[in-house]
Protein backbone atom coordinates (compact mmCIF):
# COMPACT_ATOMS: atom_id res chain seq x y z
CA MET A 1 57.00 -114.29 -41.76
CA ALA A 2 55.01 -111.10 -42.42
CA ALA A 3 55.00 -110.29 -38.72
CA ALA A 4 58.75 -110.87 -38.51
CA ALA A 5 59.35 -108.66 -41.53
CA LYS A 6 57.14 -105.93 -40.01
CA LYS A 7 59.03 -106.19 -36.71
CA LEU A 8 62.36 -105.95 -38.53
CA ARG A 9 61.16 -102.97 -40.57
CA LEU A 10 59.81 -101.12 -37.51
CA GLY A 11 62.93 -101.92 -35.49
CA GLU A 12 65.18 -100.50 -38.21
CA GLN A 13 63.18 -97.26 -38.26
CA GLY A 14 63.24 -97.04 -34.45
CA TRP A 15 59.43 -97.15 -34.08
CA ALA A 16 58.94 -100.32 -32.03
CA THR A 17 58.95 -98.79 -28.59
CA GLU A 18 56.16 -98.36 -26.13
CA ALA A 19 57.21 -94.82 -25.53
CA GLU A 20 56.43 -93.94 -29.20
CA GLY A 21 52.95 -95.51 -29.17
CA PHE A 22 53.62 -99.14 -30.17
CA CYS A 23 53.25 -102.31 -28.16
CA GLU A 24 56.68 -103.61 -27.23
CA LYS A 25 55.42 -107.20 -27.28
CA HIS A 26 53.36 -107.24 -30.54
CA GLN A 27 54.71 -104.18 -32.34
CA GLU A 28 51.17 -102.91 -32.92
CA PRO A 29 49.89 -99.37 -32.27
CA LEU A 30 48.59 -98.81 -28.72
CA LYS A 31 44.96 -97.93 -29.44
CA LEU A 32 43.20 -99.41 -26.40
CA PHE A 33 43.31 -98.84 -22.61
CA CYS A 34 42.94 -101.67 -20.07
CA LYS A 35 41.17 -100.35 -16.99
CA ASP A 36 42.13 -103.36 -14.90
CA HIS A 37 45.85 -102.96 -15.59
CA GLN A 38 45.60 -99.15 -15.90
CA ALA A 39 47.81 -99.33 -19.00
CA PRO A 40 47.51 -98.84 -22.80
CA ILE A 41 47.42 -102.05 -24.96
CA CYS A 42 47.24 -102.97 -28.66
CA LEU A 43 44.58 -104.93 -30.61
CA VAL A 44 46.55 -108.17 -30.21
CA CYS A 45 46.91 -107.76 -26.46
CA VAL A 46 43.15 -107.52 -25.96
CA THR A 47 42.68 -111.06 -27.37
CA SER A 48 45.35 -112.59 -25.12
CA LYS A 49 44.65 -114.47 -21.91
CA GLU A 50 46.46 -111.73 -19.98
CA HIS A 51 43.62 -109.30 -20.67
CA GLU A 52 40.76 -111.77 -20.88
CA SER A 53 37.50 -110.40 -19.40
CA HIS A 54 39.17 -107.06 -18.67
CA LYS A 55 37.36 -103.77 -19.22
CA VAL A 56 38.83 -102.07 -22.25
CA ASP A 57 38.18 -98.64 -23.80
CA LEU A 58 39.51 -96.83 -26.80
CA LEU A 59 42.61 -94.85 -25.86
CA GLU A 60 41.15 -91.63 -27.27
CA GLU A 61 38.07 -91.96 -25.09
CA VAL A 62 40.00 -92.39 -21.83
CA CYS A 63 40.20 -88.72 -20.81
CA GLN A 64 38.97 -88.86 -17.21
CA TYR A 65 42.50 -89.62 -16.07
CA LYS A 66 43.72 -86.39 -17.59
CA ASP A 67 40.98 -84.59 -15.71
CA GLN A 68 42.04 -86.33 -12.50
CA ILE A 69 45.67 -85.44 -13.13
CA SER A 70 44.67 -81.85 -13.88
CA SER A 71 42.61 -81.53 -10.70
CA ARG A 72 45.37 -83.11 -8.63
CA LEU A 73 47.89 -80.78 -10.20
CA LYS A 74 45.74 -77.86 -9.10
CA ILE A 75 45.62 -79.23 -5.54
CA LEU A 76 49.38 -79.84 -5.49
CA ARG A 77 50.11 -76.42 -6.96
CA ALA A 78 47.82 -74.82 -4.40
CA GLU A 79 49.59 -76.79 -1.66
CA ARG A 80 52.91 -75.61 -3.04
CA GLU A 81 51.67 -72.02 -2.96
CA LYS A 82 50.46 -72.52 0.60
CA MET A 83 53.83 -73.91 1.63
CA LEU A 84 55.66 -71.07 -0.13
CA THR A 85 53.39 -68.57 1.60
CA TYR A 86 53.99 -70.27 4.94
CA LYS A 87 57.74 -70.23 4.24
CA ALA A 88 57.62 -66.53 3.41
CA ASP A 89 55.46 -65.80 6.46
CA THR A 90 57.84 -67.78 8.67
CA GLU A 91 60.82 -65.89 7.31
CA LYS A 92 59.01 -62.58 7.76
CA GLU A 93 57.86 -63.47 11.28
CA SER A 94 61.35 -64.58 12.26
CA GLN A 95 62.81 -61.38 10.82
CA ASP A 96 60.20 -59.31 12.67
CA LEU A 97 61.10 -61.08 15.91
CA LEU A 98 64.79 -60.55 15.25
CA ASN A 99 64.10 -56.88 14.54
CA GLN A 100 62.20 -56.64 17.82
CA ILE A 101 65.14 -58.21 19.66
CA GLU A 102 67.54 -55.78 17.96
CA GLU A 103 65.33 -52.83 18.91
CA LYS A 104 65.19 -54.10 22.49
CA ARG A 105 68.97 -54.60 22.48
CA GLN A 106 69.61 -51.05 21.29
CA LYS A 107 67.09 -49.69 23.77
CA ILE A 108 68.66 -51.60 26.67
CA LYS A 109 72.17 -50.52 25.65
CA ALA A 110 71.04 -46.89 25.46
CA GLU A 111 69.28 -47.10 28.82
CA PHE A 112 72.28 -48.70 30.52
CA GLN A 113 74.57 -46.13 28.90
CA GLN A 114 72.32 -43.43 30.30
CA MET A 115 72.47 -45.03 33.74
CA HIS A 116 76.26 -45.34 33.51
CA GLN A 117 76.57 -41.70 32.53
CA PHE A 118 74.25 -40.63 35.35
CA LEU A 119 76.16 -42.66 37.95
CA GLU A 120 79.53 -41.40 36.69
CA GLU A 121 78.35 -37.79 36.88
CA GLU A 122 76.95 -38.32 40.38
CA GLU A 123 80.20 -39.99 41.42
CA LYS A 124 82.22 -37.02 40.13
CA ILE A 125 79.96 -34.58 41.99
CA LEU A 126 80.18 -36.53 45.25
CA LEU A 127 83.96 -36.97 45.01
CA ALA A 128 84.38 -33.25 44.28
CA GLN A 129 82.25 -32.41 47.32
CA MET A 130 84.32 -34.77 49.46
CA GLU A 131 87.52 -33.16 48.17
CA GLU A 132 86.21 -29.72 49.16
CA VAL A 133 85.42 -30.98 52.67
CA GLU A 134 88.87 -32.58 52.89
CA LYS A 135 90.49 -29.28 51.93
CA GLU A 136 88.44 -27.42 54.50
CA ILE A 137 89.34 -29.94 57.21
CA ALA A 138 93.05 -29.68 56.29
CA ARG A 139 92.89 -25.86 56.32
CA ARG A 140 91.19 -25.75 59.72
CA ARG A 141 93.63 -28.32 61.09
CA ASP A 142 96.66 -26.32 59.91
CA GLU A 143 95.22 -23.12 61.35
CA GLN A 144 94.52 -24.70 64.72
CA LEU A 145 97.89 -26.45 64.91
CA ALA A 146 99.72 -23.25 64.03
CA ARG A 147 97.84 -21.34 66.75
CA LEU A 148 98.55 -24.13 69.27
CA CYS A 149 102.24 -24.06 68.37
CA ARG A 150 102.33 -20.32 69.04
CA GLU A 151 100.50 -20.77 72.34
CA LEU A 152 102.80 -23.59 73.39
CA SER A 153 105.89 -21.56 72.54
CA SER A 154 104.64 -18.61 74.58
CA LEU A 155 103.73 -20.92 77.47
CA GLU A 156 107.17 -22.52 77.40
CA ILE A 157 108.78 -19.09 77.73
CA VAL A 158 106.61 -18.20 80.74
CA ILE A 159 107.36 -21.53 82.41
CA GLN A 160 111.07 -21.09 81.83
CA ASP A 161 111.00 -17.53 83.25
CA MET A 162 109.08 -18.64 86.36
CA GLU A 163 111.41 -21.58 86.96
CA GLU A 164 114.35 -19.23 86.81
CA LYS A 165 112.51 -16.76 89.08
CA TRP A 166 111.73 -19.50 91.59
CA GLN A 167 115.42 -20.41 91.92
CA GLN A 168 116.57 -16.82 92.55
CA PRO A 169 117.52 -15.57 96.04
CA ALA A 170 114.83 -13.80 98.05
CA SER A 171 116.12 -10.33 97.30
CA GLU A 172 115.94 -10.95 93.59
CA PHE A 173 112.90 -13.23 93.75
CA LEU A 174 110.71 -10.48 95.13
CA GLN A 175 111.65 -8.01 92.45
CA ASP A 176 108.85 -7.66 89.86
CA ILE A 177 106.92 -10.47 91.61
CA ARG A 178 103.57 -8.91 90.74
CA LYS A 179 104.41 -8.77 87.01
CA THR A 180 105.56 -12.37 87.08
CA LEU A 181 102.33 -13.52 88.73
CA GLN A 182 100.22 -11.60 86.21
CA ARG A 183 102.03 -13.31 83.31
CA SER A 184 101.40 -16.73 84.83
CA GLU A 185 97.71 -16.03 85.45
CA LYS A 186 97.18 -15.35 81.76
CA LYS A 187 98.51 -18.83 80.89
CA GLU A 188 96.67 -20.82 83.55
CA VAL A 189 93.37 -21.21 81.71
CA PHE A 190 93.47 -22.85 78.27
CA GLU A 191 90.27 -22.53 76.25
CA ASN A 192 89.78 -25.56 73.99
CA PRO A 193 88.95 -23.98 70.60
CA VAL A 194 86.44 -25.59 68.18
CA ALA A 195 88.64 -26.74 65.35
CA PHE A 196 85.87 -28.33 63.25
CA PRO A 197 82.41 -26.73 63.60
CA PRO A 198 79.21 -28.86 63.38
CA GLU A 199 78.51 -27.92 59.76
CA VAL A 200 81.67 -29.75 58.69
CA THR A 201 80.53 -32.89 60.46
CA CYS A 202 77.06 -32.53 58.94
CA ARG A 203 78.55 -32.33 55.46
CA ILE A 204 80.42 -35.57 56.07
CA GLY A 205 77.27 -37.23 57.39
CA GLY A 206 75.38 -36.10 54.33
CA PHE A 207 77.46 -38.38 52.12
CA ARG A 208 75.88 -41.42 53.75
CA ASP A 209 72.44 -40.48 52.40
CA ILE A 210 73.39 -41.88 48.99
CA LYS A 211 73.33 -45.46 50.30
CA PRO A 212 69.54 -45.87 50.72
CA LEU A 213 69.00 -44.24 47.34
CA LEU A 214 71.37 -46.72 45.70
CA GLU A 215 69.74 -49.61 47.55
CA ARG A 216 66.29 -48.63 46.30
CA PHE A 217 67.66 -48.14 42.81
CA MET A 218 69.26 -51.60 42.85
CA GLU A 219 66.04 -53.18 44.11
CA GLN A 220 64.03 -51.55 41.34
CA LEU A 221 66.62 -52.54 38.74
CA LYS A 222 66.62 -56.12 40.02
CA GLU A 223 62.83 -56.22 39.81
CA VAL A 224 62.90 -54.99 36.21
CA MET A 225 65.62 -57.39 35.11
CA MET A 226 64.37 -60.54 36.79
CA GLN A 227 62.48 -63.12 34.73
CA ALA A 228 58.72 -63.41 34.94
CA SER A 229 57.65 -65.68 37.78
CA ALA A 230 54.92 -68.30 37.43
CA ALA A 231 51.72 -67.26 39.19
CA ASN A 232 49.48 -69.92 40.75
CA VAL A 233 46.21 -68.42 39.58
CA THR A 234 42.86 -69.53 40.99
CA LEU A 235 39.39 -68.26 40.15
CA ASP A 236 37.43 -66.04 42.51
CA PRO A 237 33.87 -67.46 42.86
CA ASP A 238 32.59 -64.17 44.30
CA THR A 239 33.19 -62.51 40.92
CA ALA A 240 31.77 -65.28 38.67
CA ASN A 241 28.64 -64.65 36.60
CA PRO A 242 25.76 -66.85 37.90
CA GLU A 243 25.76 -68.82 34.63
CA LEU A 244 29.37 -69.91 35.09
CA ILE A 245 30.23 -73.15 36.89
CA LEU A 246 33.59 -73.33 38.67
CA SER A 247 35.40 -76.49 39.69
CA LYS A 248 35.92 -77.26 43.38
CA ASP A 249 39.58 -76.31 43.21
CA CYS A 250 38.68 -73.07 41.35
CA LYS A 251 41.05 -74.05 38.53
CA SER A 252 38.52 -74.39 35.69
CA VAL A 253 35.30 -72.74 34.55
CA ARG A 254 32.56 -73.62 32.05
CA TRP A 255 29.33 -72.09 30.85
CA GLY A 256 26.35 -73.76 32.50
CA VAL A 257 23.43 -72.25 30.51
CA GLU A 258 21.14 -72.12 33.56
CA CYS A 259 21.49 -69.27 36.01
CA GLN A 260 22.52 -70.34 39.51
CA ASP A 261 20.96 -68.87 42.65
CA LEU A 262 23.93 -66.79 43.85
CA PRO A 263 24.01 -63.57 45.88
CA ASP A 264 24.23 -60.43 43.76
CA ASN A 265 27.25 -59.02 45.58
CA PRO A 266 29.05 -55.92 44.18
CA GLU A 267 32.02 -58.00 42.95
CA ARG A 268 29.94 -60.31 40.74
CA PHE A 269 29.54 -59.84 36.97
CA ASP A 270 25.83 -59.84 36.14
CA PHE A 271 25.76 -59.25 32.35
CA TRP A 272 28.91 -60.73 30.80
CA HIS A 273 29.96 -64.32 31.54
CA CYS A 274 33.18 -63.24 33.24
CA VAL A 275 35.21 -64.26 36.27
CA LEU A 276 38.40 -62.84 37.79
CA GLY A 277 41.37 -64.50 39.43
CA ARG A 278 42.10 -64.13 43.12
CA GLU A 279 45.74 -63.15 42.62
CA GLU A 280 46.54 -59.42 42.69
CA PHE A 281 49.50 -57.85 40.89
CA THR A 282 50.92 -54.40 41.64
CA ALA A 283 54.54 -54.90 40.50
CA GLY A 284 56.96 -57.33 38.85
CA ARG A 285 56.66 -59.73 35.91
CA HIS A 286 54.30 -62.72 36.12
CA PHE A 287 52.82 -65.35 33.81
CA TRP A 288 50.13 -68.04 33.91
CA GLU A 289 48.81 -70.53 31.35
CA VAL A 290 45.23 -71.31 30.33
CA THR A 291 43.97 -74.36 28.42
CA VAL A 292 41.42 -73.04 25.92
CA GLY A 293 40.71 -76.02 23.65
CA SER A 294 38.55 -75.42 20.57
CA GLU A 295 35.47 -73.94 22.25
CA GLU A 296 33.49 -71.26 20.49
CA SER A 297 33.67 -68.06 22.57
CA TRP A 298 36.21 -67.20 25.27
CA ALA A 299 38.73 -64.57 26.30
CA VAL A 300 41.74 -64.45 28.65
CA GLY A 301 43.89 -61.58 29.87
CA VAL A 302 44.09 -59.11 32.75
CA ALA A 303 41.77 -56.46 34.15
CA ILE A 304 42.03 -53.70 36.73
CA LYS A 305 40.49 -54.51 40.09
CA SER A 306 38.07 -51.60 39.71
CA VAL A 307 36.70 -52.88 36.37
CA ARG A 308 32.95 -52.58 35.97
CA ARG A 309 30.99 -55.63 37.07
CA LYS A 310 27.38 -54.62 36.31
CA GLY A 311 25.64 -54.10 32.99
CA PHE A 312 27.09 -53.85 29.48
CA PHE A 313 30.64 -52.64 28.87
CA ASP A 314 33.31 -53.15 26.24
CA PHE A 315 36.31 -55.47 26.63
CA SER A 316 39.00 -52.90 25.93
CA PRO A 317 41.97 -51.15 27.58
CA PHE A 318 39.74 -48.08 27.87
CA GLU A 319 37.57 -50.09 30.27
CA GLY A 320 40.63 -51.57 31.99
CA ILE A 321 40.71 -54.95 30.19
CA TRP A 322 43.59 -56.31 28.08
CA ALA A 323 42.55 -59.63 26.51
CA VAL A 324 42.62 -61.93 23.46
CA GLY A 325 40.29 -64.80 22.65
CA LYS A 326 37.96 -66.47 20.22
CA TRP A 327 34.89 -64.60 19.04
CA ARG A 328 32.51 -65.55 16.21
CA GLY A 329 34.79 -68.35 15.05
CA GLN A 330 37.96 -66.24 14.86
CA TYR A 331 40.89 -65.61 17.15
CA ARG A 332 40.82 -61.92 17.94
CA VAL A 333 42.24 -59.09 19.98
CA ILE A 334 39.12 -58.84 22.09
CA ASN A 335 37.34 -55.54 21.71
CA LEU A 336 33.64 -56.19 21.32
CA ILE A 337 32.92 -52.93 19.51
CA ASN A 338 35.89 -53.08 17.13
CA SER A 339 37.81 -56.35 17.53
CA THR A 340 40.89 -57.15 15.42
CA PRO A 341 41.35 -60.67 13.91
CA LEU A 342 44.60 -62.48 14.65
CA SER A 343 46.43 -64.20 11.78
CA LEU A 344 47.13 -67.57 13.38
CA ARG A 345 47.88 -70.66 11.27
CA GLN A 346 47.39 -73.20 14.05
CA LYS A 347 44.66 -73.87 16.56
CA LEU A 348 45.38 -72.73 20.07
CA LYS A 349 45.31 -75.24 22.89
CA ARG A 350 47.11 -73.39 25.67
CA ILE A 351 47.79 -69.67 26.02
CA ARG A 352 50.47 -68.08 28.19
CA VAL A 353 49.59 -64.66 29.60
CA THR A 354 52.63 -62.59 30.65
CA LEU A 355 52.25 -59.38 32.64
CA ASP A 356 55.09 -56.86 32.90
CA TYR A 357 53.66 -54.33 35.35
CA ALA A 358 56.53 -51.83 35.35
CA GLY A 359 56.95 -52.10 31.56
CA GLY A 360 53.23 -51.59 30.90
CA GLU A 361 52.94 -54.74 28.76
CA VAL A 362 50.50 -57.65 28.56
CA ALA A 363 51.77 -60.35 26.16
CA PHE A 364 50.09 -63.50 24.84
CA SER A 365 51.84 -66.52 23.31
CA ASP A 366 51.16 -70.14 22.38
CA ALA A 367 52.24 -72.04 25.51
CA ASP A 368 53.05 -75.17 23.48
CA THR A 369 55.07 -73.63 20.65
CA GLY A 370 56.14 -70.30 22.14
CA ILE A 371 54.83 -68.45 19.07
CA HIS A 372 53.92 -64.85 19.82
CA ILE A 373 50.21 -64.03 19.52
CA HIS A 374 49.77 -60.40 20.55
CA THR A 375 51.21 -57.78 22.92
CA TYR A 376 49.54 -54.76 24.47
CA SER A 377 52.37 -52.27 25.03
CA GLY A 378 52.64 -48.74 26.34
CA ALA A 379 49.96 -49.29 28.97
CA SER A 380 50.04 -47.13 32.09
CA PHE A 381 48.49 -49.02 34.97
CA CYS A 382 48.78 -45.92 37.21
CA GLY A 383 49.19 -47.92 40.40
CA GLU A 384 46.06 -50.00 39.73
CA THR A 385 45.82 -53.52 41.09
CA LEU A 386 45.58 -56.03 38.21
CA LEU A 387 43.75 -59.38 38.26
CA PRO A 388 43.62 -62.32 35.79
CA PHE A 389 40.53 -61.99 33.57
CA PHE A 390 38.41 -64.73 31.92
CA TYR A 391 35.33 -64.73 29.70
CA VAL A 392 33.43 -67.96 28.87
CA SER A 393 30.35 -68.46 26.67
CA ASP A 394 28.70 -70.84 24.17
CA GLU A 395 29.59 -74.00 26.08
CA ALA A 396 33.24 -72.99 26.30
CA HIS A 397 35.54 -74.41 28.95
CA LEU A 398 38.75 -72.92 30.34
CA SER A 399 41.19 -74.45 32.80
CA LEU A 400 44.30 -73.12 34.50
CA SER A 401 47.57 -75.00 34.48
CA PRO A 402 48.63 -76.22 37.96
């Protein structure tokens, strides 16, 4: 009866809820914590069969869960910050790429406008020159035709006079016969005048010279505009450092620790663990892909054919090398003296190297995701022959895509 009265009293006051610290079943304060059920209980609950032999602590003493919640909150908040940072970086990167596209678009429009203006001006000049030649031809034609008309008219008169003379009787025919013969002798020989001198013909022939120029221009424009073509790159064993081991098909290379007994030919690298590709590039746009894995130290890119092979030298455009790679545990723009770290959020597995010879660019991107890594721009290759470049060390392994 006392318990029922207590329940009624607590119910009327709105206290008998678990949410306000009372057991919903026994209407007692929740002062204990059952570790087995991971829930707060009252003093009556602990004596029931439901919680028999369970581990029970005072509710006030169970604070480790708050610590766990607090630590997990920190982790989740840090993860949220990381995701927000990634979101902001993604938005910024996408905007940067869009800005690059817009800059390229404006540049291409300006360049094509310049070409259009140049071609229009050249067309006007050529058409004006042709019009001048046409006028000269028409003038010379009119002059010659007018002179011929006068000559023909004079000749017709002489012919008519002689025909009349020929039909006259002998007494009249012989009168002034010498004068008549002299008039006919003057008309017997017709000198064919040069109506159009050679310089006029040469000027007309000169207009044809524009065709080869336009053909070369179109070929160069086509080369610039065409998409990069896939290059089937293979490694050149004559250039490989003696500590590098190449596969039989010359499609992969690894560091072999021990130095092989190889001839020290002029093409071979003797200090750095480098090897070049066989393929030579002097024009156009080309790309190839390299599987890099997670090895410690490596670099991929392009190098001039005349790059130094002996002794120490820096991996830099100054030495004729444009490369990126992994160095001392970080992805970097490879420059051994002053390398620049790359801010990449994912591990690289395959890298695409794209060479734009005419544009002076060497670009690197993630071959799997297409994400841009780095671009060397504004390079002037000055007619140099370029070769694929590879550096392998610390048990690294690189392989070329088929």
